[in-house]
Amino acid sequence: MLAATEAEGPSVIQLRAQDISPDHAKDLLINVINRFTKNLIQGVLISVDEEKSRVRLLPLRRDKTE
């Protein structure tokens, strides 16, 4: 939806993990929120897995040639 609407917010954190239990997810989310607080305020999409995090600034731009 963020790409389709080119919305500038709200920020979104996407968890991409095998274990999405509350205890495990809590640790991942707290880490990401602490690391990317300034980005989250600006408007971003953050994809998180156990090994890395990827941050994309909003709005997400679609390729206009589609």
N, C-alpha and C. Protein backbone atom coordinates (compact mmCIF):
# COMPACT_ATOMS: atom_id res chain seq x y z
N MET A 1 0.82 -1.19 0.00
CA MET A 1 0.00 0.00 0.00
C MET A 1 0.87 1.25 0.00
N LEU A 2 2.01 1.21 0.70
CA LEU A 2 2.88 2.38 0.72
C LEU A 2 3.36 2.73 -0.68
N ALA A 3 3.76 1.74 -1.47
CA ALA A 3 4.23 2.00 -2.83
C ALA A 3 3.08 2.44 -3.73
N ALA A 4 1.94 1.81 -3.60
CA ALA A 4 0.80 2.13 -4.47
C ALA A 4 0.31 3.55 -4.26
N THR A 5 0.33 4.00 -3.02
CA THR A 5 -0.19 5.35 -2.72
C THR A 5 0.90 6.40 -2.63
N GLU A 6 2.17 5.96 -2.64
CA GLU A 6 3.31 6.85 -2.45
C GLU A 6 3.16 7.69 -1.18
N ALA A 7 2.62 7.05 -0.14
CA ALA A 7 2.38 7.73 1.13
C ALA A 7 3.70 8.10 1.80
N GLU A 8 3.70 9.20 2.53
CA GLU A 8 4.89 9.65 3.26
C GLU A 8 4.89 9.16 4.70
N GLY A 9 3.87 8.46 5.12
CA GLY A 9 3.80 7.94 6.47
C GLY A 9 2.54 7.12 6.61
N PRO A 10 2.38 6.44 7.66
CA PRO A 10 3.26 6.35 8.83
C PRO A 10 4.43 5.41 8.55
N SER A 11 5.44 5.48 9.40
CA SER A 11 6.54 4.55 9.30
C SER A 11 6.04 3.14 9.59
N VAL A 12 6.70 2.16 8.95
CA VAL A 12 6.31 0.76 9.10
C VAL A 12 7.56 -0.06 9.38
N ILE A 13 7.45 -0.98 10.34
CA ILE A 13 8.51 -1.96 10.61
C ILE A 13 7.95 -3.32 10.22
N GLN A 14 8.61 -3.97 9.28
CA GLN A 14 8.18 -5.28 8.78
C GLN A 14 9.12 -6.34 9.32
N LEU A 15 8.59 -7.28 10.11
CA LEU A 15 9.39 -8.37 10.65
C LEU A 15 9.38 -9.53 9.67
N ARG A 16 10.57 -9.99 9.32
CA ARG A 16 10.71 -11.12 8.41
C ARG A 16 11.54 -12.17 9.13
N ALA A 17 10.89 -12.95 9.95
CA ALA A 17 11.61 -13.92 10.79
C ALA A 17 10.80 -15.20 10.89
N GLN A 18 11.50 -16.29 11.11
CA GLN A 18 10.82 -17.57 11.34
C GLN A 18 10.10 -17.57 12.68
N ASP A 19 10.76 -17.03 13.69
CA ASP A 19 10.20 -16.98 15.04
C ASP A 19 9.62 -15.60 15.29
N ILE A 20 8.30 -15.49 15.22
CA ILE A 20 7.65 -14.20 15.47
C ILE A 20 6.91 -14.20 16.80
N SER A 21 7.38 -15.04 17.70
CA SER A 21 6.78 -15.06 19.04
C SER A 21 7.01 -13.70 19.70
N PRO A 22 6.14 -13.30 20.60
CA PRO A 22 6.29 -12.00 21.25
C PRO A 22 7.66 -11.77 21.89
N ASP A 23 8.22 -12.76 22.55
CA ASP A 23 9.52 -12.58 23.18
C ASP A 23 10.62 -12.30 22.16
N HIS A 24 10.63 -13.04 21.07
CA HIS A 24 11.65 -12.84 20.04
C HIS A 24 11.42 -11.54 19.28
N ALA A 25 10.17 -11.29 18.88
CA ALA A 25 9.84 -10.08 18.14
C ALA A 25 10.14 -8.83 18.96
N LYS A 26 9.89 -8.90 20.26
CA LYS A 26 10.15 -7.75 21.14
C LYS A 26 11.61 -7.34 21.06
N ASP A 27 12.52 -8.30 21.12
CA ASP A 27 13.95 -7.99 21.07
C ASP A 27 14.34 -7.36 19.73
N LEU A 28 13.82 -7.91 18.63
CA LEU A 28 14.11 -7.34 17.32
C LEU A 28 13.58 -5.91 17.20
N LEU A 29 12.34 -5.70 17.65
CA LEU A 29 11.72 -4.38 17.53
C LEU A 29 12.41 -3.33 18.39
N ILE A 30 12.74 -3.68 19.61
CA ILE A 30 13.43 -2.72 20.48
C ILE A 30 14.76 -2.31 19.88
N ASN A 31 15.49 -3.28 19.35
CA ASN A 31 16.77 -2.98 18.71
C ASN A 31 16.59 -2.03 17.52
N VAL A 32 15.62 -2.31 16.66
CA VAL A 32 15.38 -1.48 15.48
C VAL A 32 14.92 -0.08 15.88
N ILE A 33 14.01 0.01 16.82
CA ILE A 33 13.52 1.32 17.26
C ILE A 33 14.66 2.15 17.84
N ASN A 34 15.52 1.56 18.64
CA ASN A 34 16.66 2.28 19.20
C ASN A 34 17.64 2.72 18.13
N ARG A 35 17.90 1.86 17.14
CA ARG A 35 18.87 2.18 16.09
C ARG A 35 18.36 3.20 15.09
N PHE A 36 17.06 3.22 14.82
CA PHE A 36 16.53 4.02 13.72
C PHE A 36 15.47 5.03 14.16
N THR A 37 15.56 5.52 15.39
CA THR A 37 14.56 6.45 15.92
C THR A 37 14.38 7.67 15.02
N LYS A 38 15.47 8.31 14.63
CA LYS A 38 15.37 9.52 13.78
C LYS A 38 14.73 9.21 12.44
N ASN A 39 15.09 8.06 11.86
CA ASN A 39 14.49 7.67 10.59
C ASN A 39 12.99 7.42 10.74
N LEU A 40 12.59 6.77 11.82
CA LEU A 40 11.18 6.47 12.05
C LEU A 40 10.36 7.74 12.16
N ILE A 41 10.92 8.78 12.72
CA ILE A 41 10.22 10.06 12.82
C ILE A 41 10.03 10.68 11.44
N GLN A 42 11.00 10.49 10.55
CA GLN A 42 10.94 11.07 9.20
C GLN A 42 9.97 10.34 8.29
N GLY A 43 9.77 9.06 8.51
CA GLY A 43 8.92 8.24 7.66
C GLY A 43 9.73 7.26 6.84
N VAL A 44 9.71 5.99 7.25
CA VAL A 44 10.49 4.95 6.58
C VAL A 44 9.75 3.63 6.62
N LEU A 45 10.19 2.73 5.75
CA LEU A 45 9.82 1.33 5.80
C LEU A 45 11.08 0.58 6.20
N ILE A 46 11.02 -0.15 7.30
CA ILE A 46 12.17 -0.92 7.76
C ILE A 46 11.80 -2.40 7.71
N SER A 47 12.58 -3.17 6.95
CA SER A 47 12.42 -4.62 6.90
C SER A 47 13.50 -5.22 7.78
N VAL A 48 13.10 -6.09 8.71
CA VAL A 48 14.01 -6.63 9.71
C VAL A 48 13.99 -8.15 9.66
N ASP A 49 15.18 -8.76 9.67
CA ASP A 49 15.29 -10.19 9.93
C ASP A 49 16.39 -10.38 10.97
N GLU A 50 16.71 -11.61 11.27
CA GLU A 50 17.68 -11.88 12.34
C GLU A 50 19.08 -11.38 12.01
N GLU A 51 19.40 -11.23 10.72
CA GLU A 51 20.75 -10.88 10.31
C GLU A 51 20.94 -9.41 9.96
N LYS A 52 19.89 -8.76 9.44
CA LYS A 52 20.08 -7.38 8.98
C LYS A 52 18.76 -6.61 9.00
N SER A 53 18.91 -5.30 8.81
CA SER A 53 17.76 -4.42 8.67
C SER A 53 17.96 -3.58 7.42
N ARG A 54 16.87 -3.35 6.70
CA ARG A 54 16.92 -2.52 5.50
C ARG A 54 15.97 -1.36 5.68
N VAL A 55 16.46 -0.14 5.44
CA VAL A 55 15.67 1.07 5.64
C VAL A 55 15.43 1.73 4.29
N ARG A 56 14.16 2.02 4.00
CA ARG A 56 13.80 2.75 2.78
C ARG A 56 13.00 3.97 3.18
N LEU A 57 13.41 5.13 2.68
CA LEU A 57 12.71 6.38 2.99
C LEU A 57 11.37 6.42 2.28
N LEU A 58 10.37 6.99 2.94
CA LEU A 58 9.07 7.22 2.33
C LEU A 58 9.04 8.60 1.71
N PRO A 59 8.31 8.85 0.65
CA PRO A 59 7.43 7.89 -0.01
C PRO A 59 8.21 6.93 -0.91
N LEU A 60 7.69 5.71 -1.03
CA LEU A 60 8.25 4.73 -1.95
C LEU A 60 7.77 5.11 -3.33
N ARG A 61 8.68 5.25 -4.25
CA ARG A 61 8.32 5.64 -5.62
C ARG A 61 8.18 4.41 -6.50
N ARG A 62 7.09 4.36 -7.22
CA ARG A 62 6.89 3.27 -8.18
C ARG A 62 7.51 3.66 -9.50
N ASP A 63 7.97 2.66 -10.24
CA ASP A 63 8.50 2.88 -11.57
C ASP A 63 7.34 3.28 -12.48
N LYS A 64 7.38 4.46 -13.03
CA LYS A 64 6.26 4.98 -13.83
C LYS A 64 6.16 4.32 -15.20
N THR A 65 7.11 3.44 -15.57
CA THR A 65 7.06 2.80 -16.88
C THR A 65 6.19 1.55 -16.87
N GLU A 66 5.64 1.17 -15.71
CA GLU A 66 4.81 -0.05 -15.62
C GLU A 66 3.46 0.16 -16.27
